[in-house]
Amino acid sequence: MEMRIIESCAECLYDKQAHRCSDSSYLAKVKEIIGTRKPEDTSPYLVYLFNLEYEKRFGKKSSYSEVKKKYNDLLLSMEDSFREKIEAAEDPLLQALLYARIGNYIDVAAMNVIKEETLMELFENVQNRPQEEEVIRHFIADCEKAKNFLLIADNCGEIVLDKLFIEQLKKRFPDLSVTVLVRGEEVLNDATLEDAKTVGLDRVAHVIGNGLPIAGTVYTMLPDEAKQALDQADVILAKGQGNYESLSRQGRHIYFSFLCKCELFTNRFSAPLLTGIFCEERE
């Protein structure tokens, strides 16, 4: 079975932990976790194991609550202007989908530094690639006949744009029942139930947690409610690299939306850094 975490990713995972903590016994444990990984293990799962080990030794890891609040507040302050631009677009649903994808830039795990000016530049250059047009057609056709839609969310700030996307989705398909899956506990700057309520995501969809502080979606570790949401969804849209890593090649029909933020993704999708990807994986 092919390894899901290739050697360059393993090195990157180790380097990030070495940057976080110089304790030699902790780093030896990190090396052991990486070295004994199974073929099906993913980066979000290994980072979850690192965090358990870190907390066991040093107590609670540092909180990202300030970063989360900063970007939720920033995007909430721009919400009305984004909504106006979406409504004025030729295809409001597509425009909302593209804006929500740009929000995926706000990722402390993948980006060493989040630059506000880079984020604003990305919003100025919103476009989908020609090779995505067929995927978008499939997506719309699937939504037309669907009853249950599941959006698997990623970061704070980004979830404000996810809310605008869901508004358009429900306008286009009023009979669609929409559920959003967020993280079960604090992990990095990923969105939790509390964050979803802060930005009003719970006003446009049913929001549930994945039960754990893991920056991805590992089916075997999900609580029953989340497993049921995945199993019963007619259309699944998973946001971000962590969700792609943990949900791809799982035998499900899933649409993925993210920005390429590291070498693994730029190589896999033959695209420059910060390119937006909207792709489909069938069963």
Protein backbone atom coordinates (compact mmCIF):
# COMPACT_ATOMS: atom_id res chain seq x y z
CA MET A 1 0.00 0.00 0.00
CA GLU A 2 1.33 3.44 -0.98
CA MET A 3 2.32 5.72 1.92
CA ARG A 4 0.00 8.71 2.28
CA ILE A 5 2.76 10.69 4.02
CA ILE A 6 5.75 10.84 1.67
CA GLU A 7 9.30 11.44 2.94
CA SER A 8 9.35 15.20 2.18
CA CYS A 9 6.10 15.60 4.19
CA ALA A 10 7.56 13.58 7.06
CA GLU A 11 10.59 15.90 7.13
CA CYS A 12 8.33 18.97 7.08
CA LEU A 13 6.22 17.58 9.95
CA TYR A 14 9.37 16.99 12.01
CA ASP A 15 10.81 20.45 11.24
CA LYS A 16 7.59 22.14 12.36
CA GLN A 17 7.76 20.32 15.71
CA ALA A 18 11.49 21.14 16.09
CA HIS A 19 10.62 24.80 15.51
CA ARG A 20 7.89 24.56 18.15
CA CYS A 21 9.96 22.82 20.87
CA SER A 22 13.68 22.03 21.31
CA ASP A 23 13.23 19.32 23.97
CA SER A 24 15.29 16.35 22.75
CA SER A 25 13.14 13.61 24.32
CA TYR A 26 9.98 15.13 22.81
CA LEU A 27 11.61 15.35 19.37
CA ALA A 28 12.81 11.74 19.70
CA LYS A 29 9.17 10.74 20.31
CA VAL A 30 8.06 12.79 17.28
CA LYS A 31 10.68 10.96 15.19
CA GLU A 32 9.38 7.63 16.51
CA ILE A 33 5.74 8.52 15.66
CA ILE A 34 6.79 9.51 12.13
CA GLY A 35 9.01 6.46 11.69
CA THR A 36 6.33 3.97 12.76
CA ARG A 37 3.50 5.57 10.75
CA LYS A 38 1.15 3.25 8.89
CA PRO A 39 0.53 3.62 5.12
CA GLU A 40 -3.00 4.96 5.75
CA ASP A 41 -1.92 7.59 8.33
CA THR A 42 -2.28 11.23 7.30
CA SER A 43 -0.54 14.44 8.37
CA PRO A 44 -3.54 15.72 10.43
CA TYR A 45 -3.58 12.42 12.35
CA LEU A 46 0.17 12.52 13.10
CA VAL A 47 -0.08 16.15 14.25
CA TYR A 48 -2.91 15.04 16.56
CA LEU A 49 -0.55 12.39 18.03
CA PHE A 50 2.25 14.98 18.41
CA ASN A 51 -0.14 17.28 20.27
CA LEU A 52 -1.20 14.50 22.67
CA GLU A 53 2.48 13.82 23.40
CA TYR A 54 3.25 17.53 23.80
CA GLU A 55 0.39 18.09 26.27
CA LYS A 56 1.38 15.01 28.27
CA ARG A 57 4.85 16.48 28.76
CA PHE A 58 4.35 20.25 28.85
CA GLY A 59 0.64 20.89 29.46
CA LYS A 60 -1.80 22.68 27.18
CA LYS A 61 -0.34 23.94 23.91
CA SER A 62 -0.54 27.65 23.10
CA SER A 63 -3.95 28.93 22.08
CA TYR A 64 -4.71 30.47 18.70
CA SER A 65 -7.77 32.28 20.04
CA GLU A 66 -6.35 35.73 19.18
CA VAL A 67 -5.62 34.74 15.55
CA LYS A 68 -9.07 33.15 15.26
CA LYS A 69 -10.78 36.27 16.63
CA LYS A 70 -8.68 38.57 14.43
CA TYR A 71 -9.69 36.84 11.18
CA ASN A 72 -13.30 36.18 12.15
CA ASP A 73 -13.61 39.89 13.01
CA LEU A 74 -11.83 40.98 9.81
CA LEU A 75 -14.06 38.89 7.54
CA LEU A 76 -17.21 39.80 9.47
CA SER A 77 -16.32 43.49 8.94
CA MET A 78 -16.19 42.77 5.18
CA GLU A 79 -19.22 40.46 5.09
CA ASP A 80 -21.72 42.99 3.70
CA SER A 81 -19.41 44.13 0.89
CA PHE A 82 -18.70 40.50 -0.08
CA ARG A 83 -22.42 39.74 -0.06
CA GLU A 84 -23.05 42.72 -2.38
CA LYS A 85 -20.31 41.58 -4.79
CA ILE A 86 -21.68 38.03 -4.76
CA GLU A 87 -25.24 39.21 -5.44
CA ALA A 88 -24.01 41.42 -8.31
CA ALA A 89 -22.05 38.59 -9.96
CA GLU A 90 -23.23 36.82 -13.11
CA ASP A 91 -23.26 33.53 -11.16
CA PRO A 92 -23.63 34.35 -7.42
CA LEU A 93 -23.20 30.72 -6.30
CA LEU A 94 -19.92 30.32 -8.20
CA GLN A 95 -18.68 33.69 -6.97
CA ALA A 96 -19.44 32.71 -3.36
CA LEU A 97 -17.68 29.36 -3.87
CA LEU A 98 -14.56 31.15 -5.18
CA TYR A 99 -14.51 33.68 -2.33
CA ALA A 100 -14.90 30.87 0.23
CA ARG A 101 -11.92 29.09 -1.36
CA ILE A 102 -9.72 32.19 -1.00
CA GLY A 103 -10.59 32.23 2.72
CA ASN A 104 -8.61 28.97 2.92
CA TYR A 105 -5.43 31.12 2.87
CA ILE A 106 -6.01 31.87 6.58
CA ASP A 107 -4.16 28.75 7.76
CA VAL A 108 -1.49 28.88 10.49
CA ALA A 109 -0.56 25.22 9.93
CA ALA A 110 0.48 25.66 6.29
CA MET A 111 1.43 29.36 6.13
CA ASN A 112 4.40 30.42 8.25
CA VAL A 113 3.07 33.99 8.05
CA ILE A 114 -0.47 35.05 7.15
CA LYS A 115 -0.27 38.39 5.34
CA GLU A 116 -3.40 40.50 5.20
CA GLU A 117 -2.23 42.20 1.98
CA THR A 118 -1.78 38.79 0.30
CA LEU A 119 -5.30 37.83 1.34
CA MET A 120 -6.69 41.06 -0.15
CA GLU A 121 -4.71 40.53 -3.38
CA LEU A 122 -6.22 37.04 -3.69
CA PHE A 123 -9.72 38.52 -3.34
CA GLU A 124 -8.89 40.97 -6.16
CA ASN A 125 -7.99 38.11 -8.51
CA VAL A 126 -10.92 35.73 -8.04
CA GLN A 127 -11.19 33.23 -10.85
CA ASN A 128 -11.62 29.55 -11.51
CA ARG A 129 -9.30 27.60 -13.80
CA PRO A 130 -10.74 26.38 -17.16
CA GLN A 131 -10.10 22.75 -16.13
CA GLU A 132 -12.51 23.21 -13.20
CA GLU A 133 -15.53 24.04 -15.33
CA GLU A 134 -16.55 20.42 -15.80
CA VAL A 135 -16.21 19.76 -12.05
CA ILE A 136 -18.41 22.80 -11.32
CA ARG A 137 -21.04 21.45 -13.76
CA HIS A 138 -20.99 18.08 -11.96
CA PHE A 139 -21.26 19.84 -8.61
CA ILE A 140 -24.32 21.90 -9.65
CA ALA A 141 -25.98 18.83 -11.22
CA ASP A 142 -25.41 16.83 -8.02
CA CYS A 143 -26.82 19.65 -5.86
CA GLU A 144 -29.93 19.82 -8.08
CA LYS A 145 -30.90 16.26 -7.19
CA ALA A 146 -29.57 16.19 -3.61
CA LYS A 147 -31.48 16.26 -0.32
CA ASN A 148 -28.55 16.45 2.13
CA PHE A 149 -25.46 18.64 1.69
CA LEU A 150 -22.42 18.44 3.98
CA LEU A 151 -19.76 21.16 4.12
CA ILE A 152 -16.65 20.15 6.06
CA ALA A 153 -15.19 23.44 7.26
CA ASP A 154 -11.58 24.40 7.93
CA ASN A 155 -10.34 27.72 9.32
CA CYS A 156 -11.68 30.73 11.18
CA GLY A 157 -12.24 33.76 8.94
CA GLU A 158 -12.85 31.32 6.08
CA ILE A 159 -16.09 30.24 7.80
CA VAL A 160 -17.58 33.72 7.29
CA LEU A 161 -17.22 33.15 3.54
CA ASP A 162 -18.56 29.60 3.91
CA LYS A 163 -21.68 31.19 5.41
CA LEU A 164 -22.10 33.44 2.33
CA PHE A 165 -21.63 30.39 0.10
CA ILE A 166 -24.33 28.46 2.00
CA GLU A 167 -26.70 31.43 1.67
CA GLN A 168 -26.32 31.23 -2.12
CA LEU A 169 -26.55 27.44 -2.13
CA LYS A 170 -29.90 27.62 -0.31
CA LYS A 171 -31.16 30.36 -2.63
CA ARG A 172 -30.39 28.18 -5.64
CA PHE A 173 -31.59 24.94 -4.02
CA PRO A 174 -34.19 25.88 -1.36
CA ASP A 175 -35.06 22.26 -0.49
CA LEU A 176 -31.46 21.33 0.32
CA SER A 177 -30.75 20.45 3.96
CA VAL A 178 -27.27 21.79 4.82
CA THR A 179 -24.98 20.54 7.62
CA VAL A 180 -21.54 21.95 8.47
CA LEU A 181 -18.91 19.82 10.23
CA VAL A 182 -16.34 21.75 12.30
CA ARG A 183 -13.59 20.64 14.71
CA GLY A 184 -14.69 19.12 18.02
CA GLU A 185 -12.06 20.92 20.11
CA GLU A 186 -9.47 23.69 19.73
CA VAL A 187 -6.75 22.87 17.20
CA LEU A 188 -4.63 25.54 15.48
CA ASN A 189 -6.90 28.26 14.02
CA ASP A 190 -9.48 25.74 12.81
CA ALA A 191 -13.15 26.50 13.39
CA THR A 192 -15.02 24.93 16.33
CA LEU A 193 -18.73 25.03 17.26
CA GLU A 194 -18.12 28.19 19.28
CA ASP A 195 -16.45 29.92 16.31
CA ALA A 196 -19.28 28.85 14.00
CA LYS A 197 -21.81 30.47 16.35
CA THR A 198 -19.68 33.63 16.63
CA VAL A 199 -19.92 34.22 12.86
CA GLY A 200 -23.57 33.13 12.57
CA LEU A 201 -22.91 29.94 10.63
CA ASP A 202 -25.50 28.20 12.81
CA ARG A 203 -28.16 30.56 11.39
CA VAL A 204 -27.77 29.16 7.86
CA ALA A 205 -26.97 25.48 8.55
CA HIS A 206 -27.03 22.71 11.13
CA VAL A 207 -23.51 22.76 12.68
CA ILE A 208 -21.90 19.73 14.34
CA GLY A 209 -18.41 18.94 15.71
CA ASN A 210 -16.01 16.16 14.75
CA GLY A 211 -15.42 15.32 18.41
CA LEU A 212 -11.66 15.89 18.49
CA PRO A 213 -8.85 18.47 18.28
CA ILE A 214 -7.72 17.11 14.91
CA ALA A 215 -7.13 19.36 11.88
CA GLY A 216 -8.74 16.94 9.45
CA THR A 217 -11.57 14.39 9.20
CA VAL A 218 -10.58 10.84 10.17
CA TYR A 219 -13.74 8.79 9.71
CA THR A 220 -12.90 6.07 12.24
CA MET A 221 -12.42 8.71 14.97
CA LEU A 222 -15.66 10.62 14.33
CA PRO A 223 -18.60 10.58 16.77
CA ASP A 224 -21.79 8.85 15.51
CA GLU A 225 -23.55 12.10 14.53
CA ALA A 226 -20.64 13.14 12.29
CA LYS A 227 -20.30 9.65 10.76
CA GLN A 228 -24.03 9.71 10.00
CA ALA A 229 -23.74 13.16 8.38
CA LEU A 230 -20.96 11.88 6.11
CA ASP A 231 -22.76 8.63 5.28
CA GLN A 232 -26.10 10.31 4.52
CA ALA A 233 -24.83 13.32 2.55
CA ASP A 234 -25.72 13.33 -1.14
CA VAL A 235 -23.08 16.01 -1.78
CA ILE A 236 -19.94 16.54 0.32
CA LEU A 237 -17.74 19.64 -0.03
CA ALA A 238 -14.53 19.41 2.04
CA LYS A 239 -12.47 22.59 2.56
CA GLY A 240 -8.71 22.82 3.03
CA GLN A 241 -5.60 20.69 2.69
CA GLY A 242 -6.07 18.83 6.00
CA ASN A 243 -9.53 17.64 4.99
CA TYR A 244 -8.21 16.67 1.55
CA GLU A 245 -5.36 14.66 3.08
CA SER A 246 -7.62 12.80 5.49
CA LEU A 247 -10.62 12.25 3.17
CA SER A 248 -9.13 11.60 -0.26
CA ARG A 249 -8.81 7.99 -1.47
CA GLN A 250 -11.39 6.83 1.06
CA GLY A 251 -13.83 5.44 -1.51
CA ARG A 252 -16.26 8.37 -1.23
CA HIS A 253 -17.60 10.84 -3.76
CA ILE A 254 -16.32 14.19 -2.45
CA TYR A 255 -15.71 17.68 -3.85
CA PHE A 256 -12.60 19.40 -2.47
CA SER A 257 -11.88 23.13 -2.36
CA PHE A 258 -8.57 24.61 -1.12
CA LEU A 259 -5.52 26.71 -1.96
CA CYS A 260 -2.21 24.93 -2.68
CA LYS A 261 -0.10 26.05 0.28
CA CYS A 262 2.83 23.63 0.24
CA GLU A 263 5.08 21.70 -2.12
CA LEU A 264 3.09 18.46 -1.80
CA PHE A 265 -0.01 20.18 -3.23
CA THR A 266 1.72 22.32 -5.86
CA ASN A 267 3.40 19.14 -7.18
CA ARG A 268 0.28 16.97 -6.96
CA PHE A 269 -1.88 19.49 -8.83
CA SER A 270 0.89 20.96 -11.06
CA ALA A 271 -0.07 24.44 -9.92
CA PRO A 272 1.82 27.43 -8.47
CA LEU A 273 1.67 28.28 -4.75
CA LEU A 274 -1.69 29.73 -3.61
CA THR A 275 -3.54 28.44 -6.67
CA GLY A 276 -7.17 27.64 -5.90
CA ILE A 277 -8.23 24.05 -6.58
CA PHE A 278 -11.77 22.73 -6.95
CA CYS A 279 -11.67 19.01 -7.68
CA GLU A 280 -13.87 15.96 -7.47
CA GLU A 281 -13.06 12.46 -6.32
CA ARG A 282 -15.54 9.74 -7.20
CA GLU A 283 -16.06 6.47 -5.33
